[in-house]
Amino acid sequence: MNNKFTQVVKVKEENVNKIELSLAKCRALDKELKKSMGAIIDELNLHRFPRGGSSADIKINLEEQKLLREQKERIKEKIILNQKEIVHYEFQHKKAYIELEKMKYLEKEETAKEIAKIKKQEAKDLDEIAVQRYSFMKDAK
């Protein structure tokens, strides 16, 4: 049964779904970033400093390690930023879900009022029909 809250509930549901989608994307990105971070850490741990060779080899090796550490820091910053976004979306989701539940409750209450009003009207109508029928039957005798 449609009432004045039905459209509001639909909009609130769409909003909750949008937030859930954004939250899922952030969580997926978080897993991906952590996986990348693990791969870089593994690569750094496997990277060995050469025991001998030319200074060019040493410089190349040091540059590779420097690049890996910089990449690790960038990913670490992205993870921190992404975790803040996750917290933000979780808060938004909680707030939007509470609003949705409020509107659903109000919609349910409004529907119950409408049903009660209809039942009351039906009872009045049935009483009126019964009175008319009684009058008709009384007059017919």
C-alpha atoms as a PDB file:
ATOM      1  CA  MET A   1       0.000   0.000   0.000  1.00  0.00           C
ATOM      2  CA  ASN A   2       1.516   3.300  -1.070  1.00  0.00           C
ATOM      3  CA  ASN A   3       1.584   6.317   1.201  1.00  0.00           C
ATOM      4  CA  LYS A   4       3.585   9.491   1.611  1.00  0.00           C
ATOM      5  CA  PHE A   5       6.600   7.596   2.975  1.00  0.00           C
ATOM      6  CA  THR A   6       6.904   5.041   0.165  1.00  0.00           C
ATOM      7  CA  GLN A   7       8.931   7.282  -2.141  1.00  0.00           C
ATOM      8  CA  VAL A   8      11.130   8.440   0.737  1.00  0.00           C
ATOM      9  CA  VAL A   9      11.869   4.812   1.625  1.00  0.00           C
ATOM     10  CA  LYS A  10      12.860   4.069  -1.978  1.00  0.00           C
ATOM     11  CA  VAL A  11      15.240   7.047  -2.041  1.00  0.00           C
ATOM     12  CA  LYS A  12      16.749   6.039   1.317  1.00  0.00           C
ATOM     13  CA  GLU A  13      17.229   2.462   0.076  1.00  0.00           C
ATOM     14  CA  GLU A  14      18.985   3.728  -3.047  1.00  0.00           C
ATOM     15  CA  ASN A  15      21.229   5.885  -0.873  1.00  0.00           C
ATOM     16  CA  VAL A  16      22.113   2.930   1.387  1.00  0.00           C
ATOM     17  CA  ASN A  17      22.837   0.783  -1.683  1.00  0.00           C
ATOM     18  CA  LYS A  18      25.088   3.475  -3.151  1.00  0.00           C
ATOM     19  CA  ILE A  19      27.033   3.738   0.103  1.00  0.00           C
ATOM     20  CA  GLU A  20      27.321  -0.061   0.348  1.00  0.00           C
ATOM     21  CA  LEU A  21      28.710  -0.150  -3.187  1.00  0.00           C
ATOM     22  CA  SER A  22      31.302   2.517  -2.388  1.00  0.00           C
ATOM     23  CA  LEU A  23      32.219   0.706   0.812  1.00  0.00           C
ATOM     24  CA  ALA A  24      32.667  -2.580  -1.072  1.00  0.00           C
ATOM     25  CA  LYS A  25      34.902  -0.845  -3.627  1.00  0.00           C
ATOM     26  CA  CYS A  26      37.050   0.632  -0.856  1.00  0.00           C
ATOM     27  CA  ARG A  27      37.356  -2.725   0.867  1.00  0.00           C
ATOM     28  CA  ALA A  28      38.350  -4.405  -2.397  1.00  0.00           C
ATOM     29  CA  LEU A  29      40.936  -1.684  -3.027  1.00  0.00           C
ATOM     30  CA  ASP A  30      42.238  -2.163   0.517  1.00  0.00           C
ATOM     31  CA  LYS A  31      42.782  -5.890  -0.114  1.00  0.00           C
ATOM     32  CA  GLU A  32      44.507  -5.125  -3.413  1.00  0.00           C
ATOM     33  CA  LEU A  33      46.796  -2.516  -1.835  1.00  0.00           C
ATOM     34  CA  LYS A  34      47.719  -4.837   1.025  1.00  0.00           C
ATOM     35  CA  LYS A  35      48.490  -7.578  -1.476  1.00  0.00           C
ATOM     36  CA  SER A  36      50.741  -5.162  -3.403  1.00  0.00           C
ATOM     37  CA  MET A  37      52.409  -4.101  -0.175  1.00  0.00           C
ATOM     38  CA  GLY A  38      53.109  -7.742   0.673  1.00  0.00           C
ATOM     39  CA  ALA A  39      54.632  -8.331  -2.759  1.00  0.00           C
ATOM     40  CA  ILE A  40      56.917  -5.309  -2.403  1.00  0.00           C
ATOM     41  CA  ILE A  41      57.990  -6.340   1.090  1.00  0.00           C
ATOM     42  CA  ASP A  42      58.760  -9.839  -0.204  1.00  0.00           C
ATOM     43  CA  GLU A  43      60.757  -8.359  -3.051  1.00  0.00           C
ATOM     44  CA  LEU A  44      62.689  -6.114  -0.642  1.00  0.00           C
ATOM     45  CA  ASN A  45      63.420  -9.101   1.607  1.00  0.00           C
ATOM     46  CA  LEU A  46      64.653 -11.150  -1.353  1.00  0.00           C
ATOM     47  CA  HIS A  47      66.798  -8.313  -2.651  1.00  0.00           C
ATOM     48  CA  ARG A  48      70.454  -8.949  -1.740  1.00  0.00           C
ATOM     49  CA  PHE A  49      73.245  -6.449  -1.713  1.00  0.00           C
ATOM     50  CA  PRO A  50      76.039  -7.576  -4.063  1.00  0.00           C
ATOM     51  CA  ARG A  51      79.232  -8.664  -2.298  1.00  0.00           C
ATOM     52  CA  GLY A  52      81.409  -7.718  -5.167  1.00  0.00           C
ATOM     53  CA  GLY A  53      81.361  -6.128  -8.570  1.00  0.00           C
ATOM     54  CA  SER A  54      81.688  -2.695 -10.022  1.00  0.00           C
ATOM     55  CA  SER A  55      80.436   0.485  -8.420  1.00  0.00           C
ATOM     56  CA  ALA A  56      77.823   0.737 -11.199  1.00  0.00           C
ATOM     57  CA  ASP A  57      76.294  -2.578 -10.061  1.00  0.00           C
ATOM     58  CA  ILE A  58      76.190  -1.323  -6.479  1.00  0.00           C
ATOM     59  CA  LYS A  59      74.575   1.960  -7.558  1.00  0.00           C
ATOM     60  CA  ILE A  60      71.953   0.099  -9.623  1.00  0.00           C
ATOM     61  CA  ASN A  61      71.218  -2.186  -6.689  1.00  0.00           C
ATOM     62  CA  LEU A  62      70.882   0.747  -4.286  1.00  0.00           C
ATOM     63  CA  GLU A  63      68.635   2.593  -6.752  1.00  0.00           C
ATOM     64  CA  GLU A  64      66.382  -0.481  -7.091  1.00  0.00           C
ATOM     65  CA  GLN A  65      66.067  -0.704  -3.318  1.00  0.00           C
ATOM     66  CA  LYS A  66      65.356   3.020  -3.096  1.00  0.00           C
ATOM     67  CA  LEU A  67      62.610   2.735  -5.729  1.00  0.00           C
ATOM     68  CA  LEU A  68      61.062  -0.236  -3.938  1.00  0.00           C
ATOM     69  CA  ARG A  69      61.059   1.649  -0.616  1.00  0.00           C
ATOM     70  CA  GLU A  70      59.479   4.696  -2.262  1.00  0.00           C
ATOM     71  CA  GLN A  71      56.837   2.515  -3.855  1.00  0.00           C
ATOM     72  CA  LYS A  72      56.232   0.877  -0.475  1.00  0.00           C
ATOM     73  CA  GLU A  73      55.721   4.313   1.131  1.00  0.00           C
ATOM     74  CA  ARG A  74      53.307   5.419  -1.604  1.00  0.00           C
ATOM     75  CA  ILE A  75      51.248   2.267  -1.157  1.00  0.00           C
ATOM     76  CA  LYS A  76      51.353   2.734   2.608  1.00  0.00           C
ATOM     77  CA  GLU A  77      49.942   6.260   2.190  1.00  0.00           C
ATOM     78  CA  LYS A  78      47.233   4.935  -0.136  1.00  0.00           C
ATOM     79  CA  ILE A  79      46.322   2.254   2.419  1.00  0.00           C
ATOM     80  CA  ILE A  80      46.018   4.855   5.182  1.00  0.00           C
ATOM     81  CA  LEU A  81      43.883   7.105   2.983  1.00  0.00           C
ATOM     82  CA  ASN A  82      41.723   4.179   1.893  1.00  0.00           C
ATOM     83  CA  GLN A  83      41.201   3.083   5.503  1.00  0.00           C
ATOM     84  CA  LYS A  84      39.996   6.591   6.330  1.00  0.00           C
ATOM     85  CA  GLU A  85      37.554   6.356   3.426  1.00  0.00           C
ATOM     86  CA  ILE A  86      36.341   2.985   4.729  1.00  0.00           C
ATOM     87  CA  VAL A  87      35.711   4.492   8.171  1.00  0.00           C
ATOM     88  CA  HIS A  88      33.895   7.401   6.521  1.00  0.00           C
ATOM     89  CA  TYR A  89      31.680   5.126   4.408  1.00  0.00           C
ATOM     90  CA  GLU A  90      30.962   2.860   7.388  1.00  0.00           C
ATOM     91  CA  PHE A  91      29.795   5.905   9.355  1.00  0.00           C
ATOM     92  CA  GLN A  92      27.684   7.096   6.419  1.00  0.00           C
ATOM     93  CA  HIS A  93      26.218   3.612   6.008  1.00  0.00           C
ATOM     94  CA  LYS A  94      25.294   3.406   9.672  1.00  0.00           C
ATOM     95  CA  LYS A  95      23.653   6.830   9.558  1.00  0.00           C
ATOM     96  CA  ALA A  96      21.811   6.135   6.278  1.00  0.00           C
ATOM     97  CA  TYR A  97      20.637   2.734   7.498  1.00  0.00           C
ATOM     98  CA  ILE A  98      19.202   4.270  10.669  1.00  0.00           C
ATOM     99  CA  GLU A  99      17.364   6.850   8.556  1.00  0.00           C
ATOM    100  CA  LEU A 100      16.055   4.083   6.294  1.00  0.00           C
ATOM    101  CA  GLU A 101      14.753   2.116   9.259  1.00  0.00           C
ATOM    102  CA  LYS A 102      13.029   5.236  10.615  1.00  0.00           C
ATOM    103  CA  MET A 103      11.286   5.804   7.297  1.00  0.00           C
ATOM    104  CA  LYS A 104      10.292   2.137   7.046  1.00  0.00           C
ATOM    105  CA  TYR A 105       8.795   2.349  10.533  1.00  0.00           C
ATOM    106  CA  LEU A 106       6.894   5.520   9.648  1.00  0.00           C
ATOM    107  CA  GLU A 107       5.682   3.911   6.424  1.00  0.00           C
ATOM    108  CA  LYS A 108       4.503   0.862   8.368  1.00  0.00           C
ATOM    109  CA  GLU A 109       2.712   3.044  10.920  1.00  0.00           C
ATOM    110  CA  GLU A 110       1.046   5.085   8.180  1.00  0.00           C
ATOM    111  CA  THR A 111      -0.082   1.901   6.431  1.00  0.00           C
ATOM    112  CA  ALA A 112      -1.482   0.553   9.704  1.00  0.00           C
ATOM    113  CA  LYS A 113      -3.411   3.815  10.205  1.00  0.00           C
ATOM    114  CA  GLU A 114      -4.792   3.617   6.675  1.00  0.00           C
ATOM    115  CA  ILE A 115      -5.847  -0.007   7.181  1.00  0.00           C
ATOM    116  CA  ALA A 116      -7.541   0.863  10.483  1.00  0.00           C
ATOM    117  CA  LYS A 117      -9.340   3.768   8.797  1.00  0.00           C
ATOM    118  CA  ILE A 118     -10.501   1.523   5.951  1.00  0.00           C
ATOM    119  CA  LYS A 119     -11.707  -1.162   8.378  1.00  0.00           C
ATOM    120  CA  LYS A 120     -13.606   1.445  10.396  1.00  0.00           C
ATOM    121  CA  GLN A 121     -15.232   2.762   7.217  1.00  0.00           C
ATOM    122  CA  GLU A 122     -16.123  -0.784   6.151  1.00  0.00           C
ATOM    123  CA  ALA A 123     -17.734  -1.414   9.526  1.00  0.00           C
ATOM    124  CA  LYS A 124     -19.760   1.795   9.181  1.00  0.00           C
ATOM    125  CA  ASP A 125     -20.780   0.829   5.664  1.00  0.00           C
ATOM    126  CA  LEU A 126     -21.827  -2.660   6.795  1.00  0.00           C
ATOM    127  CA  ASP A 127     -23.827  -1.185   9.669  1.00  0.00           C
ATOM    128  CA  GLU A 128     -25.558   1.193   7.278  1.00  0.00           C
ATOM    129  CA  ILE A 129     -26.351  -1.656   4.872  1.00  0.00           C
ATOM    130  CA  ALA A 130     -27.696  -3.746   7.756  1.00  0.00           C
ATOM    131  CA  VAL A 131     -29.902  -0.867   8.936  1.00  0.00           C
ATOM    132  CA  GLN A 132     -31.195  -0.274   5.408  1.00  0.00           C
ATOM    133  CA  ARG A 133     -31.875  -3.960   4.920  1.00  0.00           C
ATOM    134  CA  TYR A 134     -33.630  -4.201   8.266  1.00  0.00           C
ATOM    135  CA  SER A 135     -35.784  -1.197   7.339  1.00  0.00           C
ATOM    136  CA  PHE A 136     -36.528  -2.705   3.970  1.00  0.00           C
ATOM    137  CA  MET A 137     -37.473  -6.069   5.471  1.00  0.00           C
ATOM    138  CA  LYS A 138     -39.608  -4.383   8.146  1.00  0.00           C
ATOM    139  CA  ASP A 139     -41.431  -2.339   5.532  1.00  0.00           C
ATOM    140  CA  ALA A 140     -41.930  -5.393   3.342  1.00  0.00           C
ATOM    141  CA  LYS A 141     -43.868  -7.259   6.066  1.00  0.00           C
END
